[in-house]
Structures are given as structure tokens and as C-alpha cells.
Amino acid sequence: MLACFGRSPCTRGVIDEAEWLEQPRDPLRVERANEAFEAGLAARVSRPPPGVRPDGVAVFGIDNQVSFCHPDGGLYVPGAEEDTQRAARWIVRHADRIDQLVFSLDTHRMHQVFHRSWWRTADGAAPEPLTVIRAEDVREGRFVPADPAERERALEYCRKLEATGRYVLTIWPFHGMLGGVSWALMPALVEAALFHAAYRGQDPRYEMKGQHPLTEHFSVFRPEVEALQGERLGKFNRNLFDALMRHERVFVFGQAKSHCVLSTVRDLVERVEAERPEALSRLVLLEDATSPVPPPPSEPLPPELDFPRIADEAFEDFRRRGVRIRKTTDEFD
């Protein structure tokens, strides 16, 4: 049972949890922190929570931001709005089982190497969103940095990114702009997190990523390219890894399945395999709370840009390696 969560004004009346979860709400709204707090307090009475276990259950939400999860977002992922609603409901439904919430925030500024502001075409125009820039394009002058002094570093970046075999440089629409509405977590998820904080007495943890101008940072754990011309751009986030893997179960969801979720889980799986492979079964991916970036309109479609296929193949690989794949509707285990 929940108290008036999702109603305004709050009357401290008790409502059925299922009723609140189905109430129609504007997906892009100011989060109702006071109502979430009141609901959490009421839930403490109607279903007293257990004590927080430092090694219990963690939930890791990756980049559930307006940019990706709302149709007006700069890099909207079709399906992400529904993913977010399912994740928020799941958190509230299982708040008594979840000990720690962790959320990442993709965090960008105007002038970064994957934004059109960084580049110019041979005739001086800014490239269009979803343009692919390869090292060969930079060498031959089809694309050049807006700041000519950055040419060698930009060329090295493209070369190193391609050498990973994971991605090629894509010019993304502006997204996750620090301080903007698009940078915020979706309100439904914020309200679920605030409810959990009031109910369990444990604030969520937030991790920002993606601020270095010279590298993409799909994975929450590390940048795609860690060094350029001797300059360190970032390193593996050991602190976050340890904070997650001390738990007996780590549920993962977020956006996008083909990029930030994929890269984050891949880094997590590879590190767990190297250090304690028996812990892989602790990882649980919520497959109905994540969606891939759609492929760009390109004929023929290069294999490295077929994002839905890449995501599905990666999830199947994770499953084969011991990671569990579940839905939010499955029994909580």
C-alpha cells in the first residue's frame, strides 16, 4: 500500500499500490518529491522495511535521462519511455528487496568530439547528426576539426576508436547537455528513487560520465579511448565496480541497449570474469527495460551501424557467459 503517491495535493490517504502505478501522469513533469516522501513514510508503516544490507541487492540504472527516454529528447531511443515506466514500477514494487540504487548520467557540453560543433566538412559546413567520420575521412580532409590545431589528436582518436572494434565515430545529436532539462533523469524514475530513499532510508548514488571533450564515454566504467598523445583521458572506475560487486545481486537496465548499456555491461562482465568469474551469475539484465538506438537510414547498412543486431548479439553473449536475463514481470530473484 502507498499513501497518495502520484496525487496532488497529498491527503495522507492510503491507496492501493497498483492503483498508483496505473495513474496517468505527464511523462515530462517536475518530480513530486514531497509526495514520494509521504508515500515512503506511509509504506514504512504498512509494510515495514528490512534494514539495508550493504551486500544485498543493487539496482544500476544507466542513462535513464530525458535525452534518451522522451520523444522530445535529442537522442530519443524508441521504446525508452515505456522501458522507464516499467523500471520505475518495478523499483517501487520491490523496494523492500532493493538495498541500493545507482544511476549514471551521460553528461556533455557543446564542444566535444562526437558533436557537430567539433567538425567541419571540406566546404566549411558542420556535419549533420548521425554522420560517420572515419580516420580515412580525416586523413583525406573530408572532415576537419573546427579548430585546426586539433587535427592530429582527432585523427588519432578516430584511429584508436576504430581499432577497438566496438564503434566508429558517429556525430550524435546534442544530448545530455549539462544543466539542461534533457540531462535530468526521467521524472517517473526520480519519483521511484525518492520513494525508495524515504522507504528504505538510503539515498541513491549518482555517477556522471562523458565530460572529457576528446572521447566518447559509452561505458559508465571507462572512456572508449583512454589516452591520446600521452594525455590520460580517463581510467576504469574501480570505486564504482567495487561498490556494485559487493552485492549478492546487481540488476541492470537503462539506455541505450546498443551503446551505453552494452559497453557498461561488457566492461563489467570482462572485469568480473578476470577477477571472480563465479560472481557472473550475480548480474541480472532487465531486457524489457532497455532498447537499442535505431540504425541510421543507410543503404546498404554497414554491419557496425546495425545497432539492434549488435545489441541482441551482445546480450546473447552475456547470457552464454553466465549473466542472467530477466524481465520486470518475472519473479524477483
Protein backbone atom coordinates (compact mmCIF):
# COMPACT_ATOMS: atom_id res chain seq x y z
CA MET A 1 0.00 0.00 0.00
CA LEU A 2 1.14 3.52 -0.78
CA ALA A 3 -0.01 6.87 0.56
CA CYS A 4 -1.22 9.36 -2.07
CA PHE A 5 1.87 8.82 -4.26
CA GLY A 6 1.03 10.41 -7.59
CA ARG A 7 -1.83 12.53 -6.21
CA SER A 8 -1.85 16.24 -5.65
CA PRO A 9 -2.36 17.60 -3.10
CA CYS A 10 -1.29 14.85 -0.72
CA THR A 11 -4.05 13.94 1.71
CA ARG A 12 -2.18 11.16 3.52
CA GLY A 13 -4.88 8.73 2.41
CA VAL A 14 -3.72 5.21 1.67
CA ILE A 15 -4.19 3.89 -1.87
CA ASP A 16 -3.52 0.56 -3.44
CA GLU A 17 -0.07 0.36 -4.97
CA ALA A 18 -1.39 -0.97 -8.29
CA GLU A 19 -3.80 2.00 -8.46
CA TRP A 20 -0.96 4.49 -8.11
CA LEU A 21 1.21 2.71 -10.65
CA GLU A 22 -1.51 2.97 -13.30
CA GLN A 23 -2.39 6.62 -12.73
CA PRO A 24 -1.95 8.71 -15.92
CA ARG A 25 0.84 11.25 -15.48
CA ASP A 26 2.69 13.68 -17.72
CA PRO A 27 5.97 11.90 -18.51
CA LEU A 28 7.89 15.19 -18.61
CA ARG A 29 7.00 16.93 -15.36
CA VAL A 30 8.64 18.29 -12.26
CA GLU A 31 9.17 15.35 -9.95
CA ARG A 32 6.86 15.30 -6.93
CA ALA A 33 9.43 14.83 -4.21
CA ASN A 34 7.10 15.60 -1.31
CA GLU A 35 4.54 13.06 -2.48
CA ALA A 36 7.26 10.46 -2.92
CA PHE A 37 8.48 11.19 0.60
CA GLU A 38 4.97 10.93 2.08
CA ALA A 39 4.38 7.67 0.23
CA GLY A 40 7.64 6.27 1.52
CA LEU A 41 6.73 7.15 5.09
CA ALA A 42 3.30 5.56 4.74
CA ALA A 43 4.81 2.43 3.24
CA ARG A 44 7.14 2.12 6.24
CA VAL A 45 4.00 1.69 8.36
CA SER A 46 2.02 -0.58 6.05
CA ARG A 47 4.96 -2.81 5.14
CA PRO A 48 7.89 -2.14 7.49
CA PRO A 49 11.16 -2.33 5.55
CA PRO A 50 14.06 -4.57 6.46
CA GLY A 51 17.37 -2.99 7.38
CA VAL A 52 19.63 -2.02 4.49
CA ARG A 53 22.14 -4.75 3.73
CA PRO A 54 25.49 -3.46 2.38
CA ASP A 55 25.91 -6.72 0.48
CA GLY A 56 22.27 -7.17 -0.53
CA VAL A 57 20.67 -6.13 -3.84
CA ALA A 58 21.84 -3.23 -6.01
CA VAL A 59 19.97 -1.77 -8.99
CA PHE A 60 22.04 0.00 -11.63
CA GLY A 61 20.10 2.34 -13.96
CA ILE A 62 22.19 3.53 -16.91
CA ASP A 63 21.48 6.93 -18.51
CA ASN A 64 17.70 6.96 -17.98
CA GLN A 65 17.65 10.62 -18.98
CA VAL A 66 15.20 12.83 -20.82
CA SER A 67 17.58 12.98 -23.80
CA PHE A 68 17.11 9.27 -24.43
CA CYS A 69 13.74 8.48 -22.87
CA HIS A 70 11.41 11.25 -24.02
CA PRO A 71 10.29 11.80 -27.64
CA ASP A 72 11.49 15.41 -27.46
CA GLY A 73 14.95 14.34 -26.33
CA GLY A 74 17.89 14.98 -28.62
CA LEU A 75 18.74 11.29 -28.93
CA TYR A 76 15.41 9.62 -28.22
CA VAL A 77 15.54 5.84 -28.21
CA PRO A 78 12.18 4.42 -29.37
CA GLY A 79 10.74 2.32 -26.57
CA ALA A 80 12.76 4.01 -23.83
CA GLU A 81 9.79 5.88 -22.37
CA GLU A 82 7.95 2.61 -21.77
CA ASP A 83 11.18 1.00 -20.50
CA THR A 84 11.45 3.74 -17.90
CA GLN A 85 7.87 3.31 -16.72
CA ARG A 86 8.40 -0.43 -16.32
CA ALA A 87 11.63 0.14 -14.39
CA ALA A 88 10.01 2.72 -12.09
CA ARG A 89 7.11 0.42 -11.30
CA TRP A 90 9.49 -2.47 -10.69
CA ILE A 91 11.57 -0.41 -8.22
CA VAL A 92 8.51 0.63 -6.23
CA ARG A 93 7.07 -2.89 -6.29
CA HIS A 94 10.30 -4.40 -4.96
CA ALA A 95 11.53 -1.55 -2.77
CA ASP A 96 11.65 -3.85 0.24
CA ARG A 97 14.11 -6.12 -1.62
CA ILE A 98 16.35 -3.43 -3.13
CA ASP A 99 19.11 -2.11 -0.87
CA GLN A 100 20.95 0.36 -3.13
CA LEU A 101 20.03 2.34 -6.24
CA VAL A 102 22.79 3.59 -8.56
CA PHE A 103 22.15 5.86 -11.56
CA SER A 104 24.53 7.12 -14.22
CA LEU A 105 24.14 10.45 -16.01
CA ASP A 106 25.55 10.97 -19.50
CA THR A 107 26.97 14.47 -19.17
CA HIS A 108 28.06 16.61 -22.13
CA ARG A 109 28.92 20.11 -23.28
CA MET A 110 28.72 21.77 -26.70
CA HIS A 111 32.29 21.23 -27.88
CA GLN A 112 33.04 17.52 -27.80
CA VAL A 113 34.49 15.28 -30.49
CA PHE A 114 31.20 13.45 -31.16
CA HIS A 115 29.19 16.66 -31.64
CA ARG A 116 28.82 18.51 -34.94
CA SER A 117 30.27 21.66 -33.35
CA TRP A 118 33.69 19.93 -33.29
CA TRP A 119 33.88 19.25 -37.04
CA ARG A 120 33.62 20.90 -40.45
CA THR A 121 33.22 19.40 -43.89
CA ALA A 122 35.67 20.26 -46.68
CA ASP A 123 33.42 23.17 -47.68
CA GLY A 124 33.20 24.53 -44.12
CA ALA A 125 29.77 23.26 -43.06
CA ALA A 126 29.06 21.45 -39.80
CA PRO A 127 28.27 17.76 -40.42
CA GLU A 128 24.73 16.56 -39.94
CA PRO A 129 23.78 14.37 -36.96
CA LEU A 130 24.46 10.65 -37.45
CA THR A 131 27.30 11.37 -39.88
CA VAL A 132 30.01 8.73 -39.57
CA ILE A 133 33.61 10.03 -39.57
CA ARG A 134 36.43 7.55 -40.06
CA ALA A 135 40.18 8.06 -39.72
CA GLU A 136 40.43 7.88 -43.50
CA ASP A 137 38.00 10.80 -43.81
CA VAL A 138 40.18 12.93 -41.54
CA ARG A 139 43.40 11.98 -43.33
CA GLU A 140 41.92 12.88 -46.71
CA GLY A 141 40.36 16.14 -45.48
CA ARG A 142 36.71 15.22 -45.99
CA PHE A 143 36.17 16.22 -42.36
CA VAL A 144 38.42 18.51 -40.34
CA PRO A 145 38.20 19.80 -36.77
CA ALA A 146 36.73 23.28 -36.42
CA ASP A 147 39.95 24.07 -34.53
CA PRO A 148 42.78 23.12 -36.94
CA ALA A 149 45.14 22.62 -34.00
CA GLU A 150 43.11 19.51 -33.05
CA ARG A 151 43.66 17.66 -36.35
CA GLU A 152 46.32 15.22 -35.15
CA ARG A 153 44.52 14.37 -31.94
CA ALA A 154 41.22 13.96 -33.79
CA LEU A 155 42.88 11.66 -36.32
CA GLU A 156 44.45 9.57 -33.55
CA TYR A 157 41.11 9.39 -31.76
CA CYS A 158 39.31 8.04 -34.83
CA ARG A 159 42.10 5.55 -35.42
CA LYS A 160 42.08 4.28 -31.84
CA LEU A 161 38.28 4.11 -31.65
CA GLU A 162 38.13 2.03 -34.83
CA ALA A 163 40.93 -0.22 -33.54
CA THR A 164 38.76 -1.25 -30.56
CA GLY A 165 36.38 -2.96 -32.98
CA ARG A 166 33.44 -1.63 -30.99
CA TYR A 167 32.37 1.60 -32.64
CA VAL A 168 33.26 4.16 -35.28
CA LEU A 169 32.94 7.88 -34.62
CA THR A 170 29.32 8.94 -35.05
CA ILE A 171 28.19 12.55 -34.84
CA TRP A 172 25.40 12.38 -32.29
CA PRO A 173 22.61 14.92 -31.90
CA PHE A 174 23.25 17.15 -28.90
CA HIS A 175 22.15 15.22 -25.83
CA GLY A 176 22.72 15.07 -22.10
CA MET A 177 23.69 18.75 -22.06
CA LEU A 178 24.86 19.57 -18.56
CA GLY A 179 22.32 21.68 -16.67
CA GLY A 180 19.57 21.28 -19.26
CA VAL A 181 16.23 19.54 -18.92
CA SER A 182 17.48 16.80 -21.26
CA TRP A 183 20.25 15.97 -18.78
CA ALA A 184 17.87 15.07 -15.96
CA LEU A 185 16.63 11.59 -15.14
CA MET A 186 13.06 10.90 -16.25
CA PRO A 187 10.64 12.12 -13.56
CA ALA A 188 8.96 8.74 -13.09
CA LEU A 189 12.29 7.19 -12.21
CA VAL A 190 13.22 10.09 -9.93
CA GLU A 191 9.95 9.65 -8.04
CA ALA A 192 10.55 5.92 -7.71
CA ALA A 193 14.06 6.61 -6.40
CA LEU A 194 12.78 9.20 -3.93
CA PHE A 195 10.11 6.79 -2.72
CA HIS A 196 12.80 4.14 -2.21
CA ALA A 197 15.01 6.62 -0.35
CA ALA A 198 12.20 7.58 2.03
CA TYR A 199 11.07 3.99 2.49
CA ARG A 200 14.50 2.39 2.99
CA GLY A 201 16.41 5.38 4.42
CA GLN A 202 19.09 5.03 1.73
CA ASP A 203 19.81 7.74 -0.84
CA PRO A 204 20.69 6.70 -4.40
CA ARG A 205 24.21 7.01 -5.75
CA TYR A 206 24.84 9.05 -8.92
CA GLU A 207 27.73 8.69 -11.38
CA MET A 208 28.42 11.29 -14.08
CA LYS A 209 30.32 10.33 -17.22
CA GLY A 210 31.21 11.77 -20.60
CA GLN A 211 32.66 15.20 -19.87
CA HIS A 212 36.09 14.86 -21.50
CA PRO A 213 35.93 16.64 -24.88
CA LEU A 214 38.17 14.17 -26.72
CA THR A 215 36.45 10.83 -26.22
CA GLU A 216 33.11 9.12 -26.20
CA HIS A 217 32.23 7.56 -22.87
CA PHE A 218 29.55 4.96 -23.58
CA SER A 219 30.58 2.76 -20.67
CA VAL A 220 29.98 4.13 -17.21
CA PHE A 221 33.24 2.47 -16.18
CA ARG A 222 35.70 4.00 -18.66
CA PRO A 223 36.03 6.10 -21.82
CA GLU A 224 36.18 4.43 -25.22
CA VAL A 225 39.71 5.79 -25.71
CA GLU A 226 41.74 6.18 -22.53
CA ALA A 227 44.77 8.15 -23.82
CA LEU A 228 45.70 10.43 -26.73
CA GLN A 229 49.23 11.59 -27.48
CA GLY A 230 50.28 10.77 -23.95
CA GLU A 231 47.35 12.54 -22.28
CA ARG A 232 45.24 10.38 -19.97
CA LEU A 233 41.54 10.82 -20.81
CA GLY A 234 40.20 8.51 -18.13
CA LYS A 235 40.58 5.13 -16.49
CA PHE A 236 38.48 2.26 -15.20
CA ASN A 237 36.17 3.33 -12.38
CA ARG A 238 37.31 0.85 -9.77
CA ASN A 239 35.36 2.51 -7.00
CA LEU A 240 32.04 2.01 -8.79
CA PHE A 241 32.92 -1.56 -9.71
CA ASP A 242 33.64 -2.47 -6.10
CA ALA A 243 30.53 -0.68 -4.85
CA LEU A 244 28.34 -2.74 -7.20
CA MET A 245 30.03 -6.12 -6.96
CA ARG A 246 29.98 -6.28 -3.18
CA HIS A 247 26.26 -7.02 -3.58
CA GLU A 248 24.86 -10.50 -3.93
CA ARG A 249 22.72 -9.37 -6.88
CA VAL A 250 23.08 -6.46 -9.35
CA PHE A 251 20.14 -5.67 -11.63
CA VAL A 252 20.93 -3.54 -14.69
CA PHE A 253 18.67 -1.57 -17.04
CA GLY A 254 18.81 1.69 -18.99
CA GLN A 255 19.62 3.28 -22.33
CA ALA A 256 20.66 2.55 -24.86
CA LYS A 257 20.91 -1.21 -25.11
CA SER A 258 23.22 -0.89 -28.12
CA HIS A 259 25.60 1.68 -26.65
CA CYS A 260 25.91 2.73 -23.02
CA VAL A 261 24.23 -0.35 -21.56
CA LEU A 262 26.16 -2.67 -23.86
CA SER A 263 29.54 -1.03 -23.20
CA THR A 264 28.95 -0.80 -19.46
CA VAL A 265 27.87 -4.41 -19.11
CA ARG A 266 30.72 -5.59 -21.33
CA ASP A 267 33.27 -3.82 -19.13
CA LEU A 268 31.57 -5.18 -16.02
CA VAL A 269 31.49 -8.75 -17.35
CA GLU A 270 35.09 -8.69 -18.54
CA ARG A 271 36.35 -7.41 -15.19
CA VAL A 272 34.27 -9.92 -13.22
CA GLU A 273 35.49 -12.76 -15.45
CA ALA A 274 39.09 -11.71 -14.87
CA GLU A 275 38.81 -11.37 -11.09
CA ARG A 276 35.98 -13.61 -9.81
CA PRO A 277 34.17 -15.45 -12.60
CA GLU A 278 31.93 -17.25 -10.12
CA ALA A 279 30.23 -13.87 -9.49
CA LEU A 280 28.88 -13.53 -13.05
CA SER A 281 25.55 -15.03 -12.00
CA ARG A 282 25.07 -12.07 -9.67
CA LEU A 283 24.45 -9.87 -12.73
CA VAL A 284 20.87 -9.64 -14.00
CA LEU A 285 19.90 -7.67 -17.12
CA LEU A 286 16.30 -6.46 -17.30
CA GLU A 287 15.69 -6.90 -21.01
CA ASP A 288 12.27 -5.22 -21.05
CA ALA A 289 13.72 -2.02 -19.55
CA THR A 290 16.27 -1.25 -22.27
CA SER A 291 16.07 -0.54 -26.02
CA PRO A 292 18.63 -0.07 -28.82
CA VAL A 293 19.39 3.00 -30.89
CA PRO A 294 17.71 2.51 -34.28
CA PRO A 295 20.06 2.12 -37.24
CA PRO A 296 20.70 5.18 -39.40
CA PRO A 297 18.95 5.37 -42.80
CA SER A 298 21.83 3.95 -44.83
CA GLU A 299 21.66 1.59 -47.82
CA PRO A 300 23.44 -0.71 -47.65
CA LEU A 301 23.65 -0.63 -43.85
CA PRO A 302 27.23 -1.20 -42.63
CA PRO A 303 27.32 -4.00 -40.04
CA GLU A 304 28.85 -1.72 -37.41
CA LEU A 305 25.79 0.57 -37.64
CA ASP A 306 23.17 -2.18 -37.28
CA PHE A 307 22.65 -1.26 -33.64
CA PRO A 308 19.67 -3.53 -32.81
CA ARG A 309 21.53 -6.59 -34.13
CA ILE A 310 24.69 -5.61 -32.24
CA ALA A 311 22.70 -5.25 -29.00
CA ASP A 312 20.85 -8.55 -29.35
CA GLU A 313 24.03 -10.46 -30.16
CA ALA A 314 25.81 -8.91 -27.18
CA PHE A 315 23.00 -9.82 -24.77
CA GLU A 316 23.06 -13.39 -26.05
CA ASP A 317 26.82 -13.47 -25.50
CA PHE A 318 26.38 -12.18 -21.95
CA ARG A 319 23.82 -14.92 -21.31
CA ARG A 320 26.21 -17.61 -22.56
CA ARG A 321 28.90 -16.28 -20.25
CA GLY A 322 26.69 -16.64 -17.17
CA VAL A 323 24.81 -13.34 -16.88
CA ARG A 324 21.10 -13.79 -16.18
CA ILE A 325 18.49 -12.18 -18.45
CA ARG A 326 15.13 -11.36 -16.87
CA LYS A 327 12.04 -9.19 -17.34
CA THR A 328 10.50 -6.80 -14.82
CA THR A 329 7.44 -9.07 -14.78
CA ASP A 330 9.46 -12.12 -13.68
CA GLU A 331 9.61 -13.28 -10.11
CA PHE A 332 12.16 -11.24 -8.17
CA ASP A 333 15.19 -13.42 -7.51
